[in-house]
Amino acid sequence: MYFRTLDIKGGIAITHYDKKTEFKSIDTFTQFTELNEILQKVIGSTE
């Protein structure tokens, strides 16, 4: 971890811009297994 003394409450959003390249979305990311499972159930129920 690079910022051990810094507490970031809401998370971090990283953007990259290149005029010559079209990047695709990484969608939703979470490191927590339980949240990933809930997210997949919600996404699956709306399709």
PDB file of N, CA and C in Angstrom:
ATOM      1  N   MET A   1       0.845  -1.175   0.000  1.00  0.00           N
ATOM      2  CA  MET A   1       0.000   0.000   0.000  1.00  0.00           C
ATOM      3  C   MET A   1       0.892   1.241   0.000  1.00  0.00           C
ATOM      4  N   TYR A   2       0.543   2.196  -0.829  1.00  0.00           N
ATOM      5  CA  TYR A   2       1.397   3.368  -0.991  1.00  0.00           C
ATOM      6  C   TYR A   2       1.118   4.481   0.002  1.00  0.00           C
ATOM      7  N   PHE A   3      -0.129   4.616   0.450  1.00  0.00           N
ATOM      8  CA  PHE A   3      -0.500   5.714   1.332  1.00  0.00           C
ATOM      9  C   PHE A   3      -1.016   5.150   2.652  1.00  0.00           C
ATOM     10  N   ARG A   4      -0.142   4.656   3.463  1.00  0.00           N
ATOM     11  CA  ARG A   4      -0.522   3.967   4.696  1.00  0.00           C
ATOM     12  C   ARG A   4      -1.226   4.880   5.697  1.00  0.00           C
ATOM     13  N   THR A   5      -0.903   6.165   5.714  1.00  0.00           N
ATOM     14  CA  THR A   5      -1.493   7.077   6.698  1.00  0.00           C
ATOM     15  C   THR A   5      -2.697   7.826   6.156  1.00  0.00           C
ATOM     16  N   LEU A   6      -3.069   7.593   4.913  1.00  0.00           N
ATOM     17  CA  LEU A   6      -4.181   8.300   4.281  1.00  0.00           C
ATOM     18  C   LEU A   6      -5.424   7.424   4.277  1.00  0.00           C
ATOM     19  N   ASP A   7      -6.532   7.951   4.789  1.00  0.00           N
ATOM     20  CA  ASP A   7      -7.791   7.218   4.831  1.00  0.00           C
ATOM     21  C   ASP A   7      -8.722   7.783   3.765  1.00  0.00           C
ATOM     22  N   ILE A   8      -8.972   7.010   2.720  1.00  0.00           N
ATOM     23  CA  ILE A   8      -9.838   7.451   1.626  1.00  0.00           C
ATOM     24  C   ILE A   8     -11.188   6.776   1.817  1.00  0.00           C
ATOM     25  N   LYS A   9     -12.193   7.538   2.219  1.00  0.00           N
ATOM     26  CA  LYS A   9     -13.507   6.980   2.579  1.00  0.00           C
ATOM     27  C   LYS A   9     -14.286   6.437   1.383  1.00  0.00           C
ATOM     28  N   GLY A  10     -14.288   7.138   0.266  1.00  0.00           N
ATOM     29  CA  GLY A  10     -15.172   6.763  -0.830  1.00  0.00           C
ATOM     30  C   GLY A  10     -14.532   5.921  -1.905  1.00  0.00           C
ATOM     31  N   GLY A  11     -13.253   5.724  -1.872  1.00  0.00           N
ATOM     32  CA  GLY A  11     -12.567   4.964  -2.905  1.00  0.00           C
ATOM     33  C   GLY A  11     -11.856   5.878  -3.884  1.00  0.00           C
ATOM     34  N   ILE A  12     -11.377   5.304  -4.947  1.00  0.00           N
ATOM     35  CA  ILE A  12     -10.600   6.043  -5.932  1.00  0.00           C
ATOM     36  C   ILE A  12     -11.132   5.710  -7.321  1.00  0.00           C
ATOM     37  N   ALA A  13     -11.233   6.708  -8.162  1.00  0.00           N
ATOM     38  CA  ALA A  13     -11.595   6.494  -9.568  1.00  0.00           C
ATOM     39  C   ALA A  13     -10.396   6.896 -10.411  1.00  0.00           C
ATOM     40  N   ILE A  14      -9.997   6.013 -11.307  1.00  0.00           N
ATOM     41  CA  ILE A  14      -8.852   6.277 -12.162  1.00  0.00           C
ATOM     42  C   ILE A  14      -9.338   6.387 -13.597  1.00  0.00           C
ATOM     43  N   THR A  15      -8.924   7.429 -14.276  1.00  0.00           N
ATOM     44  CA  THR A  15      -9.294   7.589 -15.678  1.00  0.00           C
ATOM     45  C   THR A  15      -8.035   7.663 -16.530  1.00  0.00           C
ATOM     46  N   HIS A  16      -8.168   7.218 -17.768  1.00  0.00           N
ATOM     47  CA  HIS A  16      -7.056   7.272 -18.708  1.00  0.00           C
ATOM     48  C   HIS A  16      -7.611   7.772 -20.030  1.00  0.00           C
ATOM     49  N   TYR A  17      -6.965   8.749 -20.614  1.00  0.00           N
ATOM     50  CA  TYR A  17      -7.435   9.305 -21.874  1.00  0.00           C
ATOM     51  C   TYR A  17      -6.327   9.238 -22.911  1.00  0.00           C
ATOM     52  N   ASP A  18      -6.673   8.707 -24.062  1.00  0.00           N
ATOM     53  CA  ASP A  18      -5.759   8.661 -25.192  1.00  0.00           C
ATOM     54  C   ASP A  18      -6.588   8.952 -26.438  1.00  0.00           C
ATOM     55  N   LYS A  19      -6.288  10.023 -27.101  1.00  0.00           N
ATOM     56  CA  LYS A  19      -7.070  10.473 -28.252  1.00  0.00           C
ATOM     57  C   LYS A  19      -7.139   9.416 -29.353  1.00  0.00           C
ATOM     58  N   LYS A  20      -6.138   8.554 -29.448  1.00  0.00           N
ATOM     59  CA  LYS A  20      -6.051   7.585 -30.538  1.00  0.00           C
ATOM     60  C   LYS A  20      -6.658   6.219 -30.196  1.00  0.00           C
ATOM     61  N   THR A  21      -7.022   6.001 -28.935  1.00  0.00           N
ATOM     62  CA  THR A  21      -7.487   4.685 -28.504  1.00  0.00           C
ATOM     63  C   THR A  21      -8.838   4.793 -27.816  1.00  0.00           C
ATOM     64  N   GLU A  22      -9.729   3.845 -28.102  1.00  0.00           N
ATOM     65  CA  GLU A  22     -11.011   3.789 -27.408  1.00  0.00           C
ATOM     66  C   GLU A  22     -10.958   2.640 -26.408  1.00  0.00           C
ATOM     67  N   PHE A  23     -11.011   2.968 -25.128  1.00  0.00           N
ATOM     68  CA  PHE A  23     -10.945   1.971 -24.067  1.00  0.00           C
ATOM     69  C   PHE A  23     -12.341   1.522 -23.691  1.00  0.00           C
ATOM     70  N   LYS A  24     -12.450   0.285 -23.234  1.00  0.00           N
ATOM     71  CA  LYS A  24     -13.726  -0.246 -22.773  1.00  0.00           C
ATOM     72  C   LYS A  24     -13.854  -0.044 -21.264  1.00  0.00           C
ATOM     73  N   SER A  25     -15.078  -0.049 -20.793  1.00  0.00           N
ATOM     74  CA  SER A  25     -15.365   0.122 -19.372  1.00  0.00           C
ATOM     75  C   SER A  25     -14.898  -1.100 -18.583  1.00  0.00           C
ATOM     76  N   ILE A  26     -14.432  -0.878 -17.350  1.00  0.00           N
ATOM     77  CA  ILE A  26     -14.120  -2.010 -16.476  1.00  0.00           C
ATOM     78  C   ILE A  26     -15.320  -2.351 -15.597  1.00  0.00           C
ATOM     79  N   ASP A  27     -16.428  -1.645 -15.807  1.00  0.00           N
ATOM     80  CA  ASP A  27     -17.671  -1.873 -15.065  1.00  0.00           C
ATOM     81  C   ASP A  27     -17.456  -1.621 -13.579  1.00  0.00           C
ATOM     82  N   THR A  28     -18.044  -2.459 -12.750  1.00  0.00           N
ATOM     83  CA  THR A  28     -17.956  -2.277 -11.300  1.00  0.00           C
ATOM     84  C   THR A  28     -16.885  -3.201 -10.741  1.00  0.00           C
ATOM     85  N   PHE A  29     -16.052  -2.663  -9.871  1.00  0.00           N
ATOM     86  CA  PHE A  29     -14.987  -3.456  -9.266  1.00  0.00           C
ATOM     87  C   PHE A  29     -15.093  -3.362  -7.755  1.00  0.00           C
ATOM     88  N   THR A  30     -15.001  -4.477  -7.085  1.00  0.00           N
ATOM     89  CA  THR A  30     -14.887  -4.516  -5.632  1.00  0.00           C
ATOM     90  C   THR A  30     -13.999  -5.701  -5.264  1.00  0.00           C
ATOM     91  N   GLN A  31     -13.242  -5.536  -4.222  1.00  0.00           N
ATOM     92  CA  GLN A  31     -12.341  -6.614  -3.805  1.00  0.00           C
ATOM     93  C   GLN A  31     -13.024  -7.606  -2.860  1.00  0.00           C
ATOM     94  N   PHE A  32     -14.272  -7.349  -2.499  1.00  0.00           N
ATOM     95  CA  PHE A  32     -14.954  -8.179  -1.526  1.00  0.00           C
ATOM     96  C   PHE A  32     -15.803  -9.256  -2.214  1.00  0.00           C
ATOM     97  N   THR A  33     -15.525 -10.496  -1.906  1.00  0.00           N
ATOM     98  CA  THR A  33     -16.210 -11.632  -2.513  1.00  0.00           C
ATOM     99  C   THR A  33     -17.714 -11.552  -2.303  1.00  0.00           C
ATOM    100  N   GLU A  34     -18.138 -11.230  -1.094  1.00  0.00           N
ATOM    101  CA  GLU A  34     -19.573 -11.179  -0.790  1.00  0.00           C
ATOM    102  C   GLU A  34     -20.275 -10.121  -1.650  1.00  0.00           C
ATOM    103  N   LEU A  35     -19.657  -8.952  -1.808  1.00  0.00           N
ATOM    104  CA  LEU A  35     -20.254  -7.905  -2.634  1.00  0.00           C
ATOM    105  C   LEU A  35     -20.290  -8.313  -4.103  1.00  0.00           C
ATOM    106  N   ASN A  36     -19.273  -8.991  -4.578  1.00  0.00           N
ATOM    107  CA  ASN A  36     -19.262  -9.481  -5.960  1.00  0.00           C
ATOM    108  C   ASN A  36     -20.401 -10.462  -6.201  1.00  0.00           C
ATOM    109  N   GLU A  37     -20.647 -11.354  -5.233  1.00  0.00           N
ATOM    110  CA  GLU A  37     -21.734 -12.327  -5.362  1.00  0.00           C
ATOM    111  C   GLU A  37     -23.092 -11.628  -5.404  1.00  0.00           C
ATOM    112  N   ILE A  38     -23.289 -10.641  -4.540  1.00  0.00           N
ATOM    113  CA  ILE A  38     -24.543  -9.881  -4.524  1.00  0.00           C
ATOM    114  C   ILE A  38     -24.720  -9.141  -5.842  1.00  0.00           C
ATOM    115  N   LEU A  39     -23.657  -8.506  -6.317  1.00  0.00           N
ATOM    116  CA  LEU A  39     -23.713  -7.761  -7.573  1.00  0.00           C
ATOM    117  C   LEU A  39     -24.108  -8.674  -8.728  1.00  0.00           C
ATOM    118  N   GLN A  40     -23.528  -9.865  -8.802  1.00  0.00           N
ATOM    119  CA  GLN A  40     -23.865 -10.799  -9.889  1.00  0.00           C
ATOM    120  C   GLN A  40     -25.320 -11.241  -9.815  1.00  0.00           C
ATOM    121  N   LYS A  41     -25.856 -11.415  -8.610  1.00  0.00           N
ATOM    122  CA  LYS A  41     -27.267 -11.779  -8.470  1.00  0.00           C
ATOM    123  C   LYS A  41     -28.168 -10.647  -8.944  1.00  0.00           C
ATOM    124  N   VAL A  42     -27.817  -9.408  -8.609  1.00  0.00           N
ATOM    125  CA  VAL A  42     -28.617  -8.256  -9.021  1.00  0.00           C
ATOM    126  C   VAL A  42     -28.556  -8.084 -10.537  1.00  0.00           C
ATOM    127  N   ILE A  43     -27.369  -8.186 -11.112  1.00  0.00           N
ATOM    128  CA  ILE A  43     -27.216  -8.058 -12.566  1.00  0.00           C
ATOM    129  C   ILE A  43     -27.988  -9.167 -13.269  1.00  0.00           C
ATOM    130  N   GLY A  44     -27.905 -10.381 -12.751  1.00  0.00           N
ATOM    131  CA  GLY A  44     -28.602 -11.506 -13.353  1.00  0.00           C
ATOM    132  C   GLY A  44     -30.114 -11.384 -13.282  1.00  0.00           C
ATOM    133  N   SER A  45     -30.619 -10.730 -12.253  1.00  0.00           N
ATOM    134  CA  SER A  45     -32.074 -10.606 -12.100  1.00  0.00           C
ATOM    135  C   SER A  45     -32.658  -9.506 -12.984  1.00  0.00           C
ATOM    136  N   THR A  46     -31.814  -8.627 -13.524  1.00  0.00           N
ATOM    137  CA  THR A  46     -32.321  -7.537 -14.362  1.00  0.00           C
ATOM    138  C   THR A  46     -32.209  -7.832 -15.852  1.00  0.00           C
ATOM    139  N   GLU A  47     -31.587  -8.928 -16.207  1.00  0.00           N
ATOM    140  CA  GLU A  47     -31.408  -9.256 -17.630  1.00  0.00           C
ATOM    141  C   GLU A  47     -32.593 -10.022 -18.175  1.00  0.00           C
TER     142      GLU A  47
END
